[in-house]
PDB file of N, CA and C in Angstrom:
ATOM      1  N   MET A   1     128.068  60.310  84.284  1.00  0.00           N
ATOM      2  CA  MET A   1     127.571  61.215  83.356  1.00  0.00           C
ATOM      3  C   MET A   1     128.245  62.256  83.264  1.00  0.00           C
ATOM      4  N   ALA A   2     128.452  62.626  81.841  1.00  0.00           N
ATOM      5  CA  ALA A   2     129.773  63.836  82.034  1.00  0.00           C
ATOM      6  C   ALA A   2     128.964  65.187  82.288  1.00  0.00           C
ATOM      7  N   SER A   3     129.769  65.950  82.603  1.00  0.00           N
ATOM      8  CA  SER A   3     129.229  67.409  83.172  1.00  0.00           C
ATOM      9  C   SER A   3     129.004  67.904  81.807  1.00  0.00           C
ATOM     10  N   ALA A   4     128.471  68.953  81.988  1.00  0.00           N
ATOM     11  CA  ALA A   4     128.232  69.879  81.050  1.00  0.00           C
ATOM     12  C   ALA A   4     129.424  71.361  80.700  1.00  0.00           C
ATOM     13  N   LYS A   5     130.046  71.791  79.826  1.00  0.00           N
ATOM     14  CA  LYS A   5     131.162  72.387  79.669  1.00  0.00           C
ATOM     15  C   LYS A   5     130.739  73.764  80.527  1.00  0.00           C
ATOM     16  N   THR A   6     129.577  73.782  80.735  1.00  0.00           N
ATOM     17  CA  THR A   6     129.429  75.198  81.365  1.00  0.00           C
ATOM     18  C   THR A   6     129.843  74.961  82.691  1.00  0.00           C
ATOM     19  N   ASP A   7     129.906  73.939  83.241  1.00  0.00           N
ATOM     20  CA  ASP A   7     130.465  73.425  84.603  1.00  0.00           C
ATOM     21  C   ASP A   7     131.801  74.240  85.010  1.00  0.00           C
ATOM     22  N   LEU A   8     132.590  74.175  84.015  1.00  0.00           N
ATOM     23  CA  LEU A   8     133.787  74.263  84.392  1.00  0.00           C
ATOM     24  C   LEU A   8     134.102  75.703  84.383  1.00  0.00           C
ATOM     25  N   PHE A   9     132.889  76.512  84.322  1.00  0.00           N
ATOM     26  CA  PHE A   9     133.278  78.286  84.590  1.00  0.00           C
ATOM     27  C   PHE A   9     132.316  78.317  86.057  1.00  0.00           C
ATOM     28  N   ASP A  10     132.667  79.560  86.665  1.00  0.00           N
ATOM     29  CA  ASP A  10     131.909  79.770  87.757  1.00  0.00           C
ATOM     30  C   ASP A  10     130.427  80.432  87.734  1.00  0.00           C
ATOM     31  N   THR A  11     130.077  80.170  88.849  1.00  0.00           N
ATOM     32  CA  THR A  11     128.523  80.670  88.819  1.00  0.00           C
ATOM     33  C   THR A  11     128.065  81.879  88.176  1.00  0.00           C
ATOM     34  N   LYS A  12     129.229  82.828  88.610  1.00  0.00           N
ATOM     35  CA  LYS A  12     128.864  84.351  88.019  1.00  0.00           C
ATOM     36  C   LYS A  12     129.136  84.623  86.099  1.00  0.00           C
ATOM     37  N   LEU A  13     129.964  83.796  86.075  1.00  0.00           N
ATOM     38  CA  LEU A  13     130.211  83.750  84.379  1.00  0.00           C
ATOM     39  C   LEU A  13     129.050  82.733  83.819  1.00  0.00           C
ATOM     40  N   ASN A  14     128.138  81.796  84.443  1.00  0.00           N
ATOM     41  CA  ASN A  14     127.296  81.103  84.294  1.00  0.00           C
ATOM     42  C   ASN A  14     126.206  82.203  83.763  1.00  0.00           C
ATOM     43  N   SER A  15     125.872  82.576  85.071  1.00  0.00           N
ATOM     44  CA  SER A  15     124.438  83.446  84.913  1.00  0.00           C
ATOM     45  C   SER A  15     124.747  84.793  84.394  1.00  0.00           C
ATOM     46  N   ALA A  16     125.700  85.442  83.907  1.00  0.00           N
ATOM     47  CA  ALA A  16     125.942  86.575  83.027  1.00  0.00           C
ATOM     48  C   ALA A  16     125.455  85.743  81.800  1.00  0.00           C
ATOM     49  N   ALA A  17     126.306  84.297  81.116  1.00  0.00           N
ATOM     50  CA  ALA A  17     126.065  83.790  79.749  1.00  0.00           C
ATOM     51  C   ALA A  17     124.434  83.699  79.741  1.00  0.00           C
ATOM     52  N   VAL A  18     123.776  83.235  80.525  1.00  0.00           N
ATOM     53  CA  VAL A  18     122.505  82.891  80.612  1.00  0.00           C
ATOM     54  C   VAL A  18     121.401  84.430  80.012  1.00  0.00           C
ATOM     55  N   LEU A  19     122.129  85.474  80.566  1.00  0.00           N
ATOM     56  CA  LEU A  19     121.468  86.642  80.481  1.00  0.00           C
ATOM     57  C   LEU A  19     121.887  87.146  79.153  1.00  0.00           C
ATOM     58  N   PHE A  20     123.086  87.201  79.154  1.00  0.00           N
ATOM     59  CA  PHE A  20     123.325  87.671  77.929  1.00  0.00           C
ATOM     60  C   PHE A  20     123.054  86.825  76.895  1.00  0.00           C
ATOM     61  N   LYS A  21     122.607  85.835  76.759  1.00  0.00           N
ATOM     62  CA  LYS A  21     122.237  84.760  75.744  1.00  0.00           C
ATOM     63  C   LYS A  21     120.600  85.531  75.548  1.00  0.00           C
ATOM     64  N   ALA A  22     120.009  85.466  76.591  1.00  0.00           N
ATOM     65  CA  ALA A  22     118.182  86.057  76.211  1.00  0.00           C
ATOM     66  C   ALA A  22     118.590  87.214  75.617  1.00  0.00           C
ATOM     67  N   LEU A  23     119.478  88.261  75.430  1.00  0.00           N
ATOM     68  CA  LEU A  23     119.869  89.431  74.920  1.00  0.00           C
ATOM     69  C   LEU A  23     120.136  89.540  73.428  1.00  0.00           C
ATOM     70  N   ALA A  24     120.585  88.067  73.005  1.00  0.00           N
ATOM     71  CA  ALA A  24     121.398  87.954  71.871  1.00  0.00           C
ATOM     72  C   ALA A  24     120.464  88.064  70.319  1.00  0.00           C
ATOM     73  N   HIS A  25     119.108  88.786  70.608  1.00  0.00           N
ATOM     74  CA  HIS A  25     118.299  88.545  69.450  1.00  0.00           C
ATOM     75  C   HIS A  25     117.648  89.826  69.262  1.00  0.00           C
ATOM     76  N   PRO A  26     117.880  90.741  68.341  1.00  0.00           N
ATOM     77  CA  PRO A  26     117.470  92.195  68.139  1.00  0.00           C
ATOM     78  C   PRO A  26     115.790  92.221  68.070  1.00  0.00           C
ATOM     79  N   ALA A  27     114.826  91.481  68.108  1.00  0.00           N
ATOM     80  CA  ALA A  27     113.504  91.180  68.809  1.00  0.00           C
ATOM     81  C   ALA A  27     113.474  91.462  70.219  1.00  0.00           C
ATOM     82  N   ARG A  28     114.509  90.708  71.039  1.00  0.00           N
ATOM     83  CA  ARG A  28     114.278  90.466  72.164  1.00  0.00           C
ATOM     84  C   ARG A  28     114.831  92.529  73.000  1.00  0.00           C
ATOM     85  N   LEU A  29     115.684  92.377  72.273  1.00  0.00           N
ATOM     86  CA  LEU A  29     115.922  93.861  72.632  1.00  0.00           C
ATOM     87  C   LEU A  29     115.061  94.774  72.482  1.00  0.00           C
ATOM     88  N   ALA A  30     114.419  94.977  71.355  1.00  0.00           N
ATOM     89  CA  ALA A  30     113.164  95.910  70.804  1.00  0.00           C
ATOM     90  C   ALA A  30     112.275  95.613  71.756  1.00  0.00           C
ATOM     91  N   ILE A  31     111.905  94.470  72.395  1.00  0.00           N
ATOM     92  CA  ILE A  31     110.681  93.999  73.228  1.00  0.00           C
ATOM     93  C   ILE A  31     111.251  94.750  74.769  1.00  0.00           C
ATOM     94  N   LEU A  32     112.526  94.836  75.129  1.00  0.00           N
ATOM     95  CA  LEU A  32     112.881  95.124  76.272  1.00  0.00           C
ATOM     96  C   LEU A  32     113.137  96.956  76.404  1.00  0.00           C
ATOM     97  N   GLN A  33     113.267  97.208  75.268  1.00  0.00           N
ATOM     98  CA  GLN A  33     113.114  98.772  74.936  1.00  0.00           C
ATOM     99  C   GLN A  33     111.746  99.383  75.172  1.00  0.00           C
ATOM    100  N   TYR A  34     110.582  98.766  74.281  1.00  0.00           N
ATOM    101  CA  TYR A  34     109.607  99.118  74.193  1.00  0.00           C
ATOM    102  C   TYR A  34     108.761  99.066  75.639  1.00  0.00           C
ATOM    103  N   LEU A  35     108.907  98.029  76.030  1.00  0.00           N
ATOM    104  CA  LEU A  35     108.560  97.903  77.672  1.00  0.00           C
ATOM    105  C   LEU A  35     108.837  99.038  78.636  1.00  0.00           C
ATOM    106  N   ALA A  36     110.493  99.268  78.388  1.00  0.00           N
ATOM    107  CA  ALA A  36     111.314 100.213  79.392  1.00  0.00           C
ATOM    108  C   ALA A  36     110.320 101.547  78.737  1.00  0.00           C
ATOM    109  N   GLU A  37     110.210 102.235  77.679  1.00  0.00           N
ATOM    110  CA  GLU A  37     110.242 103.718  76.774  1.00  0.00           C
ATOM    111  C   GLU A  37     108.482 103.712  77.428  1.00  0.00           C
ATOM    112  N   THR A  38     107.351 102.620  77.719  1.00  0.00           N
ATOM    113  CA  THR A  38     106.290 102.915  77.802  1.00  0.00           C
ATOM    114  C   THR A  38     106.031 103.200  79.298  1.00  0.00           C
ATOM    115  N   LYS A  39     106.922 102.473  79.884  1.00  0.00           N
ATOM    116  CA  LYS A  39     107.101 102.492  81.558  1.00  0.00           C
ATOM    117  C   LYS A  39     105.771 102.512  82.252  1.00  0.00           C
ATOM    118  N   VAL A  40     105.062 101.256  81.570  1.00  0.00           N
ATOM    119  CA  VAL A  40     103.776 100.643  82.088  1.00  0.00           C
ATOM    120  C   VAL A  40     104.012  98.896  81.616  1.00  0.00           C
ATOM    121  N   CYS A  41     103.093  98.336  82.518  1.00  0.00           N
ATOM    122  CA  CYS A  41     102.800  97.480  82.068  1.00  0.00           C
ATOM    123  C   CYS A  41     101.969  97.010  80.689  1.00  0.00           C
ATOM    124  N   ILE A  42     101.898  96.328  79.750  1.00  0.00           N
ATOM    125  CA  ILE A  42     101.399  96.278  78.630  1.00  0.00           C
ATOM    126  C   ILE A  42     100.548  95.416  78.387  1.00  0.00           C
ATOM    127  N   THR A  43      99.166  95.425  78.097  1.00  0.00           N
ATOM    128  CA  THR A  43      98.074  94.639  78.054  1.00  0.00           C
ATOM    129  C   THR A  43      97.804  94.458  76.654  1.00  0.00           C
ATOM    130  N   GLY A  44      97.960  93.358  76.037  1.00  0.00           N
ATOM    131  CA  GLY A  44      97.527  93.055  74.738  1.00  0.00           C
ATOM    132  C   GLY A  44      98.457  92.535  73.628  1.00  0.00           C
ATOM    133  N   ASP A  45      99.011  92.698  72.950  1.00  0.00           N
ATOM    134  CA  ASP A  45      99.447  92.049  71.679  1.00  0.00           C
ATOM    135  C   ASP A  45     101.026  93.086  71.214  1.00  0.00           C
ATOM    136  N   ILE A  46     102.159  92.785  72.007  1.00  0.00           N
ATOM    137  CA  ILE A  46     103.165  93.056  71.493  1.00  0.00           C
ATOM    138  C   ILE A  46     103.532  93.542  70.137  1.00  0.00           C
ATOM    139  N   SER A  47     103.122  92.142  69.633  1.00  0.00           N
ATOM    140  CA  SER A  47     103.495  92.135  68.047  1.00  0.00           C
ATOM    141  C   SER A  47     102.906  92.888  67.465  1.00  0.00           C
ATOM    142  N   ASP A  48     102.200  93.972  67.876  1.00  0.00           N
ATOM    143  CA  ASP A  48     101.512  95.064  66.672  1.00  0.00           C
ATOM    144  C   ASP A  48     102.902  96.050  66.771  1.00  0.00           C
ATOM    145  N   GLU A  49     103.653  96.012  67.496  1.00  0.00           N
ATOM    146  CA  GLU A  49     104.841  96.747  67.649  1.00  0.00           C
ATOM    147  C   GLU A  49     106.046  96.366  66.834  1.00  0.00           C
ATOM    148  N   LEU A  50     106.120  95.168  66.768  1.00  0.00           N
ATOM    149  CA  LEU A  50     107.214  94.480  65.892  1.00  0.00           C
ATOM    150  C   LEU A  50     106.707  93.903  64.486  1.00  0.00           C
ATOM    151  N   PRO A  51     107.991  93.911  63.797  1.00  0.00           N
ATOM    152  CA  PRO A  51     107.939  93.739  62.267  1.00  0.00           C
ATOM    153  C   PRO A  51     107.438  91.878  62.390  1.00  0.00           C
ATOM    154  N   LEU A  52     107.734  91.290  63.421  1.00  0.00           N
ATOM    155  CA  LEU A  52     107.303  89.607  63.467  1.00  0.00           C
ATOM    156  C   LEU A  52     105.854  89.248  63.627  1.00  0.00           C
ATOM    157  N   SER A  53     105.467  87.899  63.687  1.00  0.00           N
ATOM    158  CA  SER A  53     104.315  87.573  63.730  1.00  0.00           C
ATOM    159  C   SER A  53     104.183  87.021  65.003  1.00  0.00           C
ATOM    160  N   ARG A  54     102.882  87.109  65.804  1.00  0.00           N
ATOM    161  CA  ARG A  54     102.593  86.603  66.849  1.00  0.00           C
ATOM    162  C   ARG A  54     103.020  85.828  67.522  1.00  0.00           C
ATOM    163  N   THR A  55     103.142  84.547  66.796  1.00  0.00           N
ATOM    164  CA  THR A  55     103.841  83.354  67.030  1.00  0.00           C
ATOM    165  C   THR A  55     105.019  83.955  67.760  1.00  0.00           C
ATOM    166  N   THR A  56     105.921  84.722  66.768  1.00  0.00           N
ATOM    167  CA  THR A  56     107.336  84.776  66.896  1.00  0.00           C
ATOM    168  C   THR A  56     107.682  85.217  68.205  1.00  0.00           C
ATOM    169  N   VAL A  57     106.714  86.956  68.312  1.00  0.00           N
ATOM    170  CA  VAL A  57     107.150  87.378  69.296  1.00  0.00           C
ATOM    171  C   VAL A  57     107.001  86.401  70.754  1.00  0.00           C
ATOM    172  N   ASN A  58     105.738  86.067  70.845  1.00  0.00           N
ATOM    173  CA  ASN A  58     105.569  84.722  71.953  1.00  0.00           C
ATOM    174  C   ASN A  58     106.793  83.980  72.079  1.00  0.00           C
ATOM    175  N   GLN A  59     107.455  83.352  71.253  1.00  0.00           N
ATOM    176  CA  GLN A  59     108.392  82.817  71.694  1.00  0.00           C
ATOM    177  C   GLN A  59     109.906  83.705  71.959  1.00  0.00           C
ATOM    178  N   HIS A  60     109.692  84.891  71.591  1.00  0.00           N
ATOM    179  CA  HIS A  60     111.239  85.859  72.338  1.00  0.00           C
ATOM    180  C   HIS A  60     110.356  86.240  73.668  1.00  0.00           C
ATOM    181  N   LEU A  61     109.172  86.482  73.786  1.00  0.00           N
ATOM    182  CA  LEU A  61     108.587  86.695  75.239  1.00  0.00           C
ATOM    183  C   LEU A  61     109.068  85.620  76.222  1.00  0.00           C
ATOM    184  N   THR A  62     108.503  84.708  75.677  1.00  0.00           N
ATOM    185  CA  THR A  62     108.922  83.307  76.513  1.00  0.00           C
ATOM    186  C   THR A  62     110.465  83.166  76.807  1.00  0.00           C
ATOM    187  N   GLU A  63     111.189  83.529  76.220  1.00  0.00           N
ATOM    188  CA  GLU A  63     112.589  83.789  76.593  1.00  0.00           C
ATOM    189  C   GLU A  63     112.918  84.637  77.601  1.00  0.00           C
ATOM    190  N   LEU A  64     112.457  85.881  77.125  1.00  0.00           N
ATOM    191  CA  LEU A  64     112.782  86.751  78.268  1.00  0.00           C
ATOM    192  C   LEU A  64     112.249  86.581  79.390  1.00  0.00           C
ATOM    193  N   LYS A  65     110.934  85.988  79.756  1.00  0.00           N
ATOM    194  CA  LYS A  65     110.100  85.693  80.903  1.00  0.00           C
ATOM    195  C   LYS A  65     111.048  84.362  81.776  1.00  0.00           C
ATOM    196  N   ASN A  66     111.846  83.638  80.608  1.00  0.00           N
ATOM    197  CA  ASN A  66     112.331  82.366  81.109  1.00  0.00           C
ATOM    198  C   ASN A  66     113.527  82.809  81.946  1.00  0.00           C
ATOM    199  N   VAL A  67     114.521  83.814  81.694  1.00  0.00           N
ATOM    200  CA  VAL A  67     115.341  84.557  82.210  1.00  0.00           C
ATOM    201  C   VAL A  67     115.168  85.352  83.520  1.00  0.00           C
ATOM    202  N   GLY A  68     113.546  85.941  83.668  1.00  0.00           N
ATOM    203  CA  GLY A  68     113.421  86.774  84.786  1.00  0.00           C
ATOM    204  C   GLY A  68     112.979  88.154  84.166  1.00  0.00           C
ATOM    205  N   LEU A  69     113.660  88.437  83.010  1.00  0.00           N
ATOM    206  CA  LEU A  69     113.790  89.992  82.555  1.00  0.00           C
ATOM    207  C   LEU A  69     112.400  90.701  82.447  1.00  0.00           C
ATOM    208  N   ILE A  70     111.248  89.942  82.008  1.00  0.00           N
ATOM    209  CA  ILE A  70     110.188  90.452  82.120  1.00  0.00           C
ATOM    210  C   ILE A  70     109.197  89.347  82.721  1.00  0.00           C
ATOM    211  N   GLN A  71     107.647  90.077  83.341  1.00  0.00           N
ATOM    212  CA  GLN A  71     106.918  89.113  83.804  1.00  0.00           C
ATOM    213  C   GLN A  71     105.805  89.216  83.070  1.00  0.00           C
ATOM    214  N   GLY A  72     104.944  88.405  83.142  1.00  0.00           N
ATOM    215  CA  GLY A  72     103.419  88.405  82.417  1.00  0.00           C
ATOM    216  C   GLY A  72     102.805  87.916  83.165  1.00  0.00           C
ATOM    217  N   HIS A  73     101.361  88.402  83.622  1.00  0.00           N
ATOM    218  CA  HIS A  73     100.577  88.176  84.332  1.00  0.00           C
ATOM    219  C   HIS A  73      99.384  87.779  83.621  1.00  0.00           C
ATOM    220  N   VAL A  74      98.588  87.138  83.806  1.00  0.00           N
ATOM    221  CA  VAL A  74      97.092  86.636  83.063  1.00  0.00           C
ATOM    222  C   VAL A  74      96.049  87.655  83.344  1.00  0.00           C
ATOM    223  N   ASP A  75      95.524  88.449  82.933  1.00  0.00           N
ATOM    224  CA  ASP A  75      94.482  89.343  83.140  1.00  0.00           C
ATOM    225  C   ASP A  75      93.104  88.796  82.392  1.00  0.00           C
ATOM    226  N   GLY A  76      92.617  88.089  82.597  1.00  0.00           N
ATOM    227  CA  GLY A  76      91.370  87.388  81.761  1.00  0.00           C
ATOM    228  C   GLY A  76      91.806  86.896  81.055  1.00  0.00           C
ATOM    229  N   ALA A  77      91.630  87.348  79.255  1.00  0.00           N
ATOM    230  CA  ALA A  77      92.045  86.754  78.239  1.00  0.00           C
ATOM    231  C   ALA A  77      93.515  87.217  77.509  1.00  0.00           C
ATOM    232  N   LYS A  78      93.893  87.966  78.363  1.00  0.00           N
ATOM    233  CA  LYS A  78      94.885  89.129  77.856  1.00  0.00           C
ATOM    234  C   LYS A  78      96.055  88.289  79.036  1.00  0.00           C
ATOM    235  N   VAL A  79      97.233  88.961  78.342  1.00  0.00           N
ATOM    236  CA  VAL A  79      98.425  88.865  79.528  1.00  0.00           C
ATOM    237  C   VAL A  79      99.285  90.393  79.376  1.00  0.00           C
ATOM    238  N   ASN A  80      99.468  90.456  80.682  1.00  0.00           N
ATOM    239  CA  ASN A  80     100.182  91.845  80.919  1.00  0.00           C
ATOM    240  C   ASN A  80     101.409  91.713  80.994  1.00  0.00           C
ATOM    241  N   TYR A  81     102.477  92.735  80.293  1.00  0.00           N
ATOM    242  CA  TYR A  81     103.826  92.045  80.405  1.00  0.00           C
ATOM    243  C   TYR A  81     104.243  93.059  81.098  1.00  0.00           C
ATOM    244  N   CYS A  82     105.401  93.370  81.626  1.00  0.00           N
ATOM    245  CA  CYS A  82     106.312  94.284  82.374  1.00  0.00           C
ATOM    246  C   CYS A  82     108.112  93.766  82.726  1.00  0.00           C
ATOM    247  N   LEU A  83     108.525  94.795  82.358  1.00  0.00           N
ATOM    248  CA  LEU A  83     109.786  94.298  83.066  1.00  0.00           C
ATOM    249  C   LEU A  83     109.943  93.966  84.554  1.00  0.00           C
ATOM    250  N   ASP A  84     110.786  93.116  84.774  1.00  0.00           N
ATOM    251  CA  ASP A  84     111.133  92.766  86.144  1.00  0.00           C
ATOM    252  C   ASP A  84     112.296  93.956  86.686  1.00  0.00           C
ATOM    253  N   PRO A  85     111.826  95.126  87.207  1.00  0.00           N
ATOM    254  CA  PRO A  85     113.270  95.783  87.541  1.00  0.00           C
ATOM    255  C   PRO A  85     114.280  95.513  88.265  1.00  0.00           C
ATOM    256  N   LYS A  86     114.254  94.250  89.216  1.00  0.00           N
ATOM    257  CA  LYS A  86     115.039  93.707  90.140  1.00  0.00           C
ATOM    258  C   LYS A  86     115.964  92.867  89.055  1.00  0.00           C
ATOM    259  N   LYS A  87     115.489  92.527  88.066  1.00  0.00           N
ATOM    260  CA  LYS A  87     116.226  91.512  87.145  1.00  0.00           C
ATOM    261  C   LYS A  87     117.058  92.436  86.462  1.00  0.00           C
ATOM    262  N   VAL A  88     116.419  93.136  85.741  1.00  0.00           N
ATOM    263  CA  VAL A  88     116.888  94.337  84.866  1.00  0.00           C
ATOM    264  C   VAL A  88     118.179  95.188  85.553  1.00  0.00           C
ATOM    265  N   LYS A  89     118.017  95.306  86.713  1.00  0.00           N
ATOM    266  CA  LYS A  89     118.826  95.643  87.791  1.00  0.00           C
ATOM    267  C   LYS A  89     120.000  95.116  87.509  1.00  0.00           C
ATOM    268  N   GLU A  90     119.780  93.529  88.271  1.00  0.00           N
ATOM    269  CA  GLU A  90     120.798  92.512  88.123  1.00  0.00           C
ATOM    270  C   GLU A  90     121.643  92.434  86.857  1.00  0.00           C
ATOM    271  N   LEU A  91     120.658  92.468  85.848  1.00  0.00           N
ATOM    272  CA  LEU A  91     121.665  92.272  84.282  1.00  0.00           C
ATOM    273  C   LEU A  91     122.411  93.749  84.215  1.00  0.00           C
ATOM    274  N   GLU A  92     122.129  94.849  84.443  1.00  0.00           N
ATOM    275  CA  GLU A  92     123.243  96.140  84.616  1.00  0.00           C
ATOM    276  C   GLU A  92     123.925  95.987  85.298  1.00  0.00           C
ATOM    277  N   THR A  93     124.188  95.584  86.557  1.00  0.00           N
ATOM    278  CA  THR A  93     125.402  95.327  87.498  1.00  0.00           C
ATOM    279  C   THR A  93     126.111  94.219  87.058  1.00  0.00           C
ATOM    280  N   ILE A  94     125.504  92.917  86.555  1.00  0.00           N
ATOM    281  CA  ILE A  94     126.539  92.008  86.072  1.00  0.00           C
ATOM    282  C   ILE A  94     126.979  92.649  84.370  1.00  0.00           C
ATOM    283  N   ALA A  95     126.221  93.502  83.569  1.00  0.00           N
ATOM    284  CA  ALA A  95     127.155  93.781  82.331  1.00  0.00           C
ATOM    285  C   ALA A  95     128.289  94.958  82.781  1.00  0.00           C
ATOM    286  N   ASN A  96     127.903  95.791  83.742  1.00  0.00           N
ATOM    287  CA  ASN A  96     128.895  96.753  84.077  1.00  0.00           C
ATOM    288  C   ASN A  96     130.247  96.060  84.849  1.00  0.00           C
ATOM    289  N   SER A  97     130.054  95.101  85.534  1.00  0.00           N
ATOM    290  CA  SER A  97     130.918  94.415  86.424  1.00  0.00           C
ATOM    291  C   SER A  97     131.819  93.642  85.303  1.00  0.00           C
ATOM    292  N   PHE A  98     131.138  93.003  84.174  1.00  0.00           N
ATOM    293  CA  PHE A  98     132.006  92.291  83.343  1.00  0.00           C
ATOM    294  C   PHE A  98     132.555  93.216  82.379  1.00  0.00           C
ATOM    295  N   PHE A  99     131.945  94.059  81.865  1.00  0.00           N
ATOM    296  CA  PHE A  99     132.845  95.202  80.970  1.00  0.00           C
ATOM    297  C   PHE A  99     134.171  95.913  81.982  1.00  0.00           C
ATOM    298  N   LYS A 100     133.832  96.274  83.180  1.00  0.00           N
ATOM    299  CA  LYS A 100     134.988  96.657  83.625  1.00  0.00           C
ATOM    300  C   LYS A 100     136.031  95.476  83.741  1.00  0.00           C
ATOM    301  N   LYS A 101     135.761  94.264  83.815  1.00  0.00           N
ATOM    302  CA  LYS A 101     136.900  93.435  83.583  1.00  0.00           C
ATOM    303  C   LYS A 101     137.492  93.348  82.788  1.00  0.00           C
ATOM    304  N   ILE A 102     136.821  93.734  81.386  1.00  0.00           N
ATOM    305  CA  ILE A 102     137.528  93.473  80.235  1.00  0.00           C
ATOM    306  C   ILE A 102     137.805  94.796  79.625  1.00  0.00           C
ATOM    307  N   ASP A 103     137.701  96.006  80.130  1.00  0.00           N
ATOM    308  CA  ASP A 103     137.932  96.939  80.008  1.00  0.00           C
ATOM    309  C   ASP A 103     139.761  97.274  79.508  1.00  0.00           C
ATOM    310  N   LEU A 104     139.718  97.618  78.370  1.00  0.00           N
ATOM    311  CA  LEU A 104     141.312  97.691  77.593  1.00  0.00           C
ATOM    312  C   LEU A 104     141.881  99.048  77.977  1.00  0.00           C
ATOM    313  N   GLY A 105     141.274  99.886  78.238  1.00  0.00           N
ATOM    314  CA  GLY A 105     141.950 101.285  78.376  1.00  0.00           C
ATOM    315  C   GLY A 105     142.158 101.912  77.006  1.00  0.00           C
ATOM    316  N   SER A 106     142.407 103.189  76.846  1.00  0.00           N
ATOM    317  CA  SER A 106     142.682 103.815  75.744  1.00  0.00           C
ATOM    318  C   SER A 106     143.589 103.289  75.289  1.00  0.00           C
ATOM    319  N   ASP A 107     144.812 102.952  75.608  1.00  0.00           N
ATOM    320  CA  ASP A 107     146.089 102.923  75.068  1.00  0.00           C
ATOM    321  C   ASP A 107     146.581 101.235  74.834  1.00  0.00           C
ATOM    322  N   TYR A 108     145.378 100.369  74.959  1.00  0.00           N
ATOM    323  CA  TYR A 108     145.266  98.881  74.299  1.00  0.00           C
ATOM    324  C   TYR A 108     145.954  98.673  73.325  1.00  0.00           C
ATOM    325  N   GLU A 109     146.773  98.055  72.540  1.00  0.00           N
ATOM    326  CA  GLU A 109     147.062  98.064  71.063  1.00  0.00           C
ATOM    327  C   GLU A 109     147.157  96.181  71.057  1.00  0.00           C
ATOM    328  N   CYS A 110     146.576  96.157  69.826  1.00  0.00           N
ATOM    329  CA  CYS A 110     146.803  94.951  69.658  1.00  0.00           C
ATOM    330  C   CYS A 110     147.986  94.273  68.335  1.00  0.00           C
ATOM    331  N   LYS A 111     148.849  93.752  68.677  1.00  0.00           N
ATOM    332  CA  LYS A 111     150.293  93.834  67.900  1.00  0.00           C
ATOM    333  C   LYS A 111     150.388  92.435  67.253  1.00  0.00           C
TER     334      LYS A 111
END
């Protein structure tokens, strides 16, 4: 069986790619910003805050949950959504490290 092309890269780059892929949609960024701004777990319908259908928002919430950036806890008929502080901090560390490695400085020129 052939290996996936991602197997050709180290674990750190693969981990970064998974997290960055989860950020690759404006709705997911909006969800993360909304949860960060509220500073509490949200019970109810986050789709009220976005210009998307409930089904579409739920798909984006699932993507964010799958990578661990948010947590969803069932509370009766509702789900409480929160940011996962440890995973968000991990994302921050990974992003900062990645961008430091590709920082070109102010004197970089493409010729």
